[in-house]
Amino acid sequence: MVTQGKELAIACAKAAAEIQAEDIRVWDLRGLSTLTDYMVVCSGSSMPHLRAILRDVRVHVDDWTDAKPNSTEGKTDTKWVVLDYIDVMVHVMHSEMREFYGLENLWGDAKEIEWEDTPVE
């Protein structure tokens, strides 16, 4: 099954929501970034929570779409891990790191995608 970028981003957001990731946001970066088309950012409140989010995103997204991350950058002990699905980058961050780095501010021109009421196809 080939999943398009937007559908994959929504699947990643929904997978993060399954494990109660916090403040899940999805942005369309097409035309704004050469790195990826969509970015998903979510937070966890503890190291076990971050590990659980990473695990569940990988497992659920694979189950739902057959997509696997091309690479993973960072480790949970650094409090920021990126799952790189090429067209979608998923940033799983400890809430303190997210507040400190303010990724949302870097992509002020990006369109935010509403994902909560969109079914995973």
N, C-alpha and C. Protein backbone atom coordinates (compact mmCIF):
# COMPACT_ATOMS: atom_id res chain seq x y z
N MET A 1 0.85 -1.18 0.00
CA MET A 1 0.00 0.00 0.00
C MET A 1 0.89 1.24 0.00
N VAL A 2 0.66 2.13 -0.96
CA VAL A 2 1.41 3.38 -1.02
C VAL A 2 0.56 4.47 -0.38
N THR A 3 1.12 5.13 0.60
CA THR A 3 0.39 6.17 1.31
C THR A 3 0.99 7.52 0.93
N GLN A 4 0.14 8.45 0.56
CA GLN A 4 0.58 9.79 0.20
C GLN A 4 1.00 10.55 1.46
N GLY A 5 1.79 11.60 1.28
CA GLY A 5 2.34 12.35 2.40
C GLY A 5 1.33 12.82 3.43
N LYS A 6 0.24 13.43 2.96
CA LYS A 6 -0.74 13.96 3.90
C LYS A 6 -1.39 12.84 4.70
N GLU A 7 -1.76 11.74 4.03
CA GLU A 7 -2.38 10.62 4.71
C GLU A 7 -1.41 9.98 5.71
N LEU A 8 -0.14 9.92 5.34
CA LEU A 8 0.87 9.37 6.24
C LEU A 8 1.05 10.28 7.46
N ALA A 9 1.06 11.58 7.25
CA ALA A 9 1.18 12.53 8.36
C ALA A 9 0.01 12.38 9.32
N ILE A 10 -1.20 12.23 8.77
CA ILE A 10 -2.38 12.06 9.61
C ILE A 10 -2.30 10.74 10.37
N ALA A 11 -1.83 9.68 9.71
CA ALA A 11 -1.67 8.39 10.39
C ALA A 11 -0.68 8.51 11.54
N CYS A 12 0.41 9.25 11.33
CA CYS A 12 1.41 9.45 12.40
C CYS A 12 0.80 10.20 13.57
N ALA A 13 0.02 11.24 13.28
CA ALA A 13 -0.63 12.02 14.34
C ALA A 13 -1.61 11.16 15.12
N LYS A 14 -2.41 10.36 14.42
CA LYS A 14 -3.38 9.50 15.08
C LYS A 14 -2.70 8.43 15.92
N ALA A 15 -1.58 7.90 15.43
CA ALA A 15 -0.83 6.91 16.20
C ALA A 15 -0.30 7.52 17.49
N ALA A 16 0.20 8.75 17.40
CA ALA A 16 0.68 9.45 18.60
C ALA A 16 -0.46 9.69 19.58
N ALA A 17 -1.63 10.00 19.05
CA ALA A 17 -2.79 10.24 19.90
C ALA A 17 -3.22 8.98 20.65
N GLU A 18 -3.01 7.82 20.04
CA GLU A 18 -3.37 6.54 20.68
C GLU A 18 -2.68 6.37 22.03
N ILE A 19 -1.48 6.93 22.18
CA ILE A 19 -0.70 6.77 23.41
C ILE A 19 -0.69 8.07 24.22
N GLN A 20 -1.65 8.93 23.94
CA GLN A 20 -1.83 10.21 24.64
C GLN A 20 -0.64 11.16 24.51
N ALA A 21 -0.02 11.21 23.32
CA ALA A 21 0.98 12.26 23.08
C ALA A 21 0.26 13.60 23.24
N GLU A 22 1.02 14.61 23.61
CA GLU A 22 0.43 15.91 23.92
C GLU A 22 0.67 16.90 22.78
N ASP A 23 -0.27 17.82 22.61
CA ASP A 23 -0.16 18.94 21.67
C ASP A 23 0.32 18.48 20.30
N ILE A 24 -0.42 17.58 19.69
CA ILE A 24 -0.05 17.03 18.38
C ILE A 24 -0.45 18.04 17.30
N ARG A 25 0.53 18.39 16.47
CA ARG A 25 0.28 19.36 15.39
C ARG A 25 0.87 18.82 14.10
N VAL A 26 0.20 19.10 13.00
CA VAL A 26 0.65 18.65 11.68
C VAL A 26 0.68 19.87 10.76
N TRP A 27 1.82 20.05 10.05
CA TRP A 27 1.96 21.17 9.12
C TRP A 27 2.30 20.69 7.72
N ASP A 28 1.75 21.39 6.75
CA ASP A 28 2.06 21.18 5.35
C ASP A 28 3.21 22.11 5.01
N LEU A 29 4.38 21.55 4.73
CA LEU A 29 5.58 22.35 4.44
C LEU A 29 5.92 22.38 2.95
N ARG A 30 5.04 21.84 2.11
CA ARG A 30 5.32 21.84 0.68
C ARG A 30 5.52 23.27 0.19
N GLY A 31 6.61 23.49 -0.52
CA GLY A 31 6.94 24.81 -1.01
C GLY A 31 7.69 25.68 0.00
N LEU A 32 7.79 25.22 1.24
CA LEU A 32 8.47 25.98 2.29
C LEU A 32 9.76 25.31 2.75
N SER A 33 9.87 24.01 2.54
CA SER A 33 11.02 23.26 3.02
C SER A 33 11.48 22.28 1.94
N THR A 34 12.78 22.11 1.84
CA THR A 34 13.31 21.10 0.93
C THR A 34 13.55 19.78 1.67
N LEU A 35 13.35 19.76 2.98
CA LEU A 35 13.60 18.56 3.77
C LEU A 35 12.45 17.56 3.73
N THR A 36 11.23 18.05 3.77
CA THR A 36 10.07 17.17 3.86
C THR A 36 8.83 17.92 3.41
N ASP A 37 7.77 17.18 3.14
CA ASP A 37 6.50 17.81 2.75
C ASP A 37 5.60 18.10 3.94
N TYR A 38 5.64 17.21 4.94
CA TYR A 38 4.78 17.37 6.12
C TYR A 38 5.59 17.15 7.38
N MET A 39 5.23 17.88 8.42
CA MET A 39 5.89 17.72 9.71
C MET A 39 4.83 17.50 10.78
N VAL A 40 5.08 16.49 11.61
CA VAL A 40 4.22 16.20 12.76
C VAL A 40 5.08 16.46 13.99
N VAL A 41 4.55 17.22 14.94
CA VAL A 41 5.26 17.48 16.19
C VAL A 41 4.32 17.10 17.33
N CYS A 42 4.87 16.36 18.28
CA CYS A 42 4.09 16.01 19.46
C CYS A 42 5.02 15.95 20.67
N SER A 43 4.43 15.98 21.84
CA SER A 43 5.21 16.02 23.07
C SER A 43 4.85 14.87 23.99
N GLY A 44 5.82 14.54 24.82
CA GLY A 44 5.62 13.59 25.90
C GLY A 44 6.11 14.23 27.19
N SER A 45 5.63 13.72 28.31
CA SER A 45 5.93 14.36 29.59
C SER A 45 7.00 13.65 30.40
N SER A 46 7.45 12.48 29.92
CA SER A 46 8.47 11.72 30.66
C SER A 46 9.22 10.84 29.67
N MET A 47 10.34 10.28 30.12
CA MET A 47 11.11 9.40 29.25
C MET A 47 10.31 8.15 28.85
N PRO A 48 9.63 7.48 29.79
CA PRO A 48 8.81 6.33 29.37
C PRO A 48 7.72 6.71 28.38
N HIS A 49 7.13 7.89 28.56
CA HIS A 49 6.09 8.36 27.65
C HIS A 49 6.68 8.58 26.25
N LEU A 50 7.87 9.20 26.16
CA LEU A 50 8.51 9.40 24.86
C LEU A 50 8.78 8.07 24.17
N ARG A 51 9.30 7.10 24.91
CA ARG A 51 9.57 5.77 24.33
C ARG A 51 8.28 5.12 23.83
N ALA A 52 7.21 5.27 24.60
CA ALA A 52 5.92 4.68 24.21
C ALA A 52 5.37 5.35 22.95
N ILE A 53 5.51 6.66 22.85
CA ILE A 53 5.05 7.37 21.65
C ILE A 53 5.81 6.88 20.42
N LEU A 54 7.13 6.80 20.54
CA LEU A 54 7.94 6.33 19.41
C LEU A 54 7.55 4.92 19.00
N ARG A 55 7.39 4.04 19.97
CA ARG A 55 7.02 2.65 19.69
C ARG A 55 5.67 2.60 18.99
N ASP A 56 4.69 3.29 19.54
CA ASP A 56 3.34 3.21 18.98
C ASP A 56 3.23 3.86 17.61
N VAL A 57 3.93 4.94 17.38
CA VAL A 57 3.90 5.55 16.05
C VAL A 57 4.47 4.55 15.04
N ARG A 58 5.61 3.97 15.34
CA ARG A 58 6.21 2.99 14.41
C ARG A 58 5.26 1.81 14.14
N VAL A 59 4.73 1.23 15.22
CA VAL A 59 3.89 0.03 15.09
C VAL A 59 2.57 0.34 14.38
N HIS A 60 1.84 1.35 14.84
CA HIS A 60 0.54 1.66 14.26
C HIS A 60 0.66 2.11 12.81
N VAL A 61 1.63 2.96 12.53
CA VAL A 61 1.78 3.45 11.15
C VAL A 61 2.14 2.29 10.22
N ASP A 62 2.99 1.41 10.68
CA ASP A 62 3.32 0.22 9.87
C ASP A 62 2.07 -0.63 9.65
N ASP A 63 1.29 -0.88 10.71
CA ASP A 63 0.06 -1.67 10.59
C ASP A 63 -0.94 -1.02 9.64
N TRP A 64 -1.11 0.30 9.78
CA TRP A 64 -2.14 1.00 9.01
C TRP A 64 -1.74 1.29 7.58
N THR A 65 -0.44 1.52 7.32
CA THR A 65 -0.02 2.02 6.00
C THR A 65 1.11 1.21 5.37
N ASP A 66 1.72 0.29 6.09
CA ASP A 66 2.90 -0.44 5.65
C ASP A 66 4.14 0.46 5.53
N ALA A 67 4.09 1.66 6.05
CA ALA A 67 5.23 2.59 5.99
C ALA A 67 6.12 2.39 7.22
N LYS A 68 7.42 2.43 6.96
CA LYS A 68 8.41 2.36 8.04
C LYS A 68 9.31 3.58 7.92
N PRO A 69 9.82 4.09 9.05
CA PRO A 69 10.71 5.25 8.95
C PRO A 69 11.98 4.88 8.18
N ASN A 70 12.40 5.79 7.31
CA ASN A 70 13.64 5.60 6.57
C ASN A 70 14.84 5.69 7.50
N SER A 71 14.74 6.57 8.49
CA SER A 71 15.79 6.70 9.50
C SER A 71 15.20 7.30 10.76
N THR A 72 15.99 7.22 11.83
CA THR A 72 15.62 7.80 13.11
C THR A 72 16.81 8.59 13.61
N GLU A 73 16.57 9.82 14.02
CA GLU A 73 17.62 10.68 14.55
C GLU A 73 17.33 10.99 16.00
N GLY A 74 18.34 10.91 16.84
CA GLY A 74 18.20 11.22 18.26
C GLY A 74 17.85 9.98 19.07
N LYS A 75 17.88 10.15 20.36
CA LYS A 75 17.53 9.08 21.29
C LYS A 75 16.63 9.68 22.36
N THR A 76 15.85 8.82 22.98
CA THR A 76 14.91 9.35 23.98
C THR A 76 15.63 10.06 25.11
N ASP A 77 16.87 9.65 25.44
CA ASP A 77 17.55 10.34 26.54
C ASP A 77 17.98 11.76 26.16
N THR A 78 17.93 12.10 24.86
CA THR A 78 18.20 13.49 24.46
C THR A 78 16.90 14.30 24.46
N LYS A 79 15.78 13.62 24.68
CA LYS A 79 14.45 14.24 24.79
C LYS A 79 13.93 14.79 23.47
N TRP A 80 14.52 14.33 22.33
CA TRP A 80 14.04 14.75 21.02
C TRP A 80 14.44 13.69 20.02
N VAL A 81 13.45 13.06 19.40
CA VAL A 81 13.71 12.03 18.40
C VAL A 81 12.89 12.37 17.16
N VAL A 82 13.51 12.19 16.00
CA VAL A 82 12.83 12.43 14.73
C VAL A 82 12.72 11.11 13.98
N LEU A 83 11.50 10.75 13.60
CA LEU A 83 11.26 9.62 12.72
C LEU A 83 11.11 10.20 11.31
N ASP A 84 11.98 9.79 10.40
CA ASP A 84 12.00 10.34 9.05
C ASP A 84 11.36 9.35 8.08
N TYR A 85 10.16 9.69 7.62
CA TYR A 85 9.45 8.89 6.63
C TYR A 85 9.61 9.50 5.23
N ILE A 86 10.62 10.33 5.02
CA ILE A 86 10.93 11.06 3.79
C ILE A 86 9.91 12.18 3.56
N ASP A 87 8.68 11.83 3.18
CA ASP A 87 7.66 12.87 2.93
C ASP A 87 7.10 13.45 4.22
N VAL A 88 7.34 12.75 5.34
CA VAL A 88 6.83 13.18 6.64
C VAL A 88 7.95 13.02 7.67
N MET A 89 8.15 14.05 8.47
CA MET A 89 9.08 13.97 9.60
C MET A 89 8.26 14.12 10.87
N VAL A 90 8.45 13.16 11.78
CA VAL A 90 7.72 13.16 13.05
C VAL A 90 8.71 13.52 14.16
N HIS A 91 8.48 14.65 14.79
CA HIS A 91 9.31 15.11 15.91
C HIS A 91 8.60 14.74 17.21
N VAL A 92 9.22 13.86 17.98
CA VAL A 92 8.70 13.47 19.29
C VAL A 92 9.62 14.11 20.31
N MET A 93 9.07 15.05 21.06
CA MET A 93 9.90 15.87 21.94
C MET A 93 9.35 15.89 23.37
N HIS A 94 10.26 15.94 24.32
CA HIS A 94 9.84 16.19 25.70
C HIS A 94 9.26 17.61 25.71
N SER A 95 8.22 17.83 26.49
CA SER A 95 7.55 19.13 26.49
C SER A 95 8.49 20.29 26.80
N GLU A 96 9.48 20.09 27.67
CA GLU A 96 10.44 21.15 27.98
C GLU A 96 11.30 21.51 26.77
N MET A 97 11.74 20.49 26.02
CA MET A 97 12.54 20.73 24.82
C MET A 97 11.72 21.44 23.75
N ARG A 98 10.49 21.04 23.63
CA ARG A 98 9.63 21.65 22.61
C ARG A 98 9.42 23.12 22.90
N GLU A 99 9.20 23.43 24.15
CA GLU A 99 9.01 24.83 24.53
C GLU A 99 10.30 25.61 24.28
N PHE A 100 11.44 25.03 24.62
CA PHE A 100 12.73 25.70 24.46
C PHE A 100 13.04 25.99 22.99
N TYR A 101 12.86 25.01 22.11
CA TYR A 101 13.22 25.18 20.70
C TYR A 101 12.15 25.84 19.85
N GLY A 102 10.90 25.78 20.24
CA GLY A 102 9.82 26.48 19.54
C GLY A 102 9.73 26.20 18.05
N LEU A 103 9.68 24.93 17.66
CA LEU A 103 9.58 24.58 16.24
C LEU A 103 8.39 25.25 15.57
N GLU A 104 7.31 25.40 16.29
CA GLU A 104 6.12 26.04 15.72
C GLU A 104 6.44 27.42 15.16
N ASN A 105 7.34 28.14 15.81
CA ASN A 105 7.68 29.49 15.37
C ASN A 105 8.49 29.49 14.08
N LEU A 106 9.21 28.42 13.81
CA LEU A 106 10.03 28.35 12.60
C LEU A 106 9.19 28.22 11.34
N TRP A 107 7.99 27.66 11.46
CA TRP A 107 7.16 27.39 10.30
C TRP A 107 5.88 28.20 10.34
N GLY A 108 6.00 29.47 10.65
CA GLY A 108 4.83 30.35 10.75
C GLY A 108 4.03 30.46 9.46
N ASP A 109 4.69 30.25 8.30
CA ASP A 109 4.01 30.35 7.01
C ASP A 109 3.32 29.05 6.61
N ALA A 110 3.59 27.98 7.34
CA ALA A 110 3.04 26.67 6.98
C ALA A 110 1.56 26.59 7.32
N LYS A 111 0.84 25.84 6.49
CA LYS A 111 -0.58 25.61 6.75
C LYS A 111 -0.70 24.45 7.72
N GLU A 112 -1.46 24.66 8.79
CA GLU A 112 -1.69 23.57 9.75
C GLU A 112 -2.80 22.67 9.22
N ILE A 113 -2.58 21.36 9.34
CA ILE A 113 -3.53 20.36 8.85
C ILE A 113 -4.40 19.90 10.01
N GLU A 114 -5.71 19.94 9.80
CA GLU A 114 -6.64 19.37 10.78
C GLU A 114 -6.65 17.86 10.57
N TRP A 115 -6.33 17.11 11.59
CA TRP A 115 -6.17 15.67 11.44
C TRP A 115 -7.12 14.84 12.29
N GLU A 116 -7.67 15.43 13.32
CA GLU A 116 -8.42 14.64 14.30
C GLU A 116 -9.69 13.99 13.76
N ASP A 117 -10.35 14.62 12.81
CA ASP A 117 -11.60 14.07 12.27
C ASP A 117 -11.40 13.39 10.92
N THR A 118 -10.15 13.21 10.52
CA THR A 118 -9.85 12.58 9.24
C THR A 118 -9.55 11.10 9.45
N PRO A 119 -10.27 10.22 8.75
CA PRO A 119 -10.01 8.78 8.93
C PRO A 119 -8.68 8.37 8.33
N VAL A 120 -8.06 7.34 8.90
CA VAL A 120 -6.84 6.76 8.35
C VAL A 120 -7.28 5.84 7.23
N GLU A 121 -6.74 6.06 6.02
CA GLU A 121 -7.15 5.25 4.87
C GLU A 121 -6.18 4.14 4.60
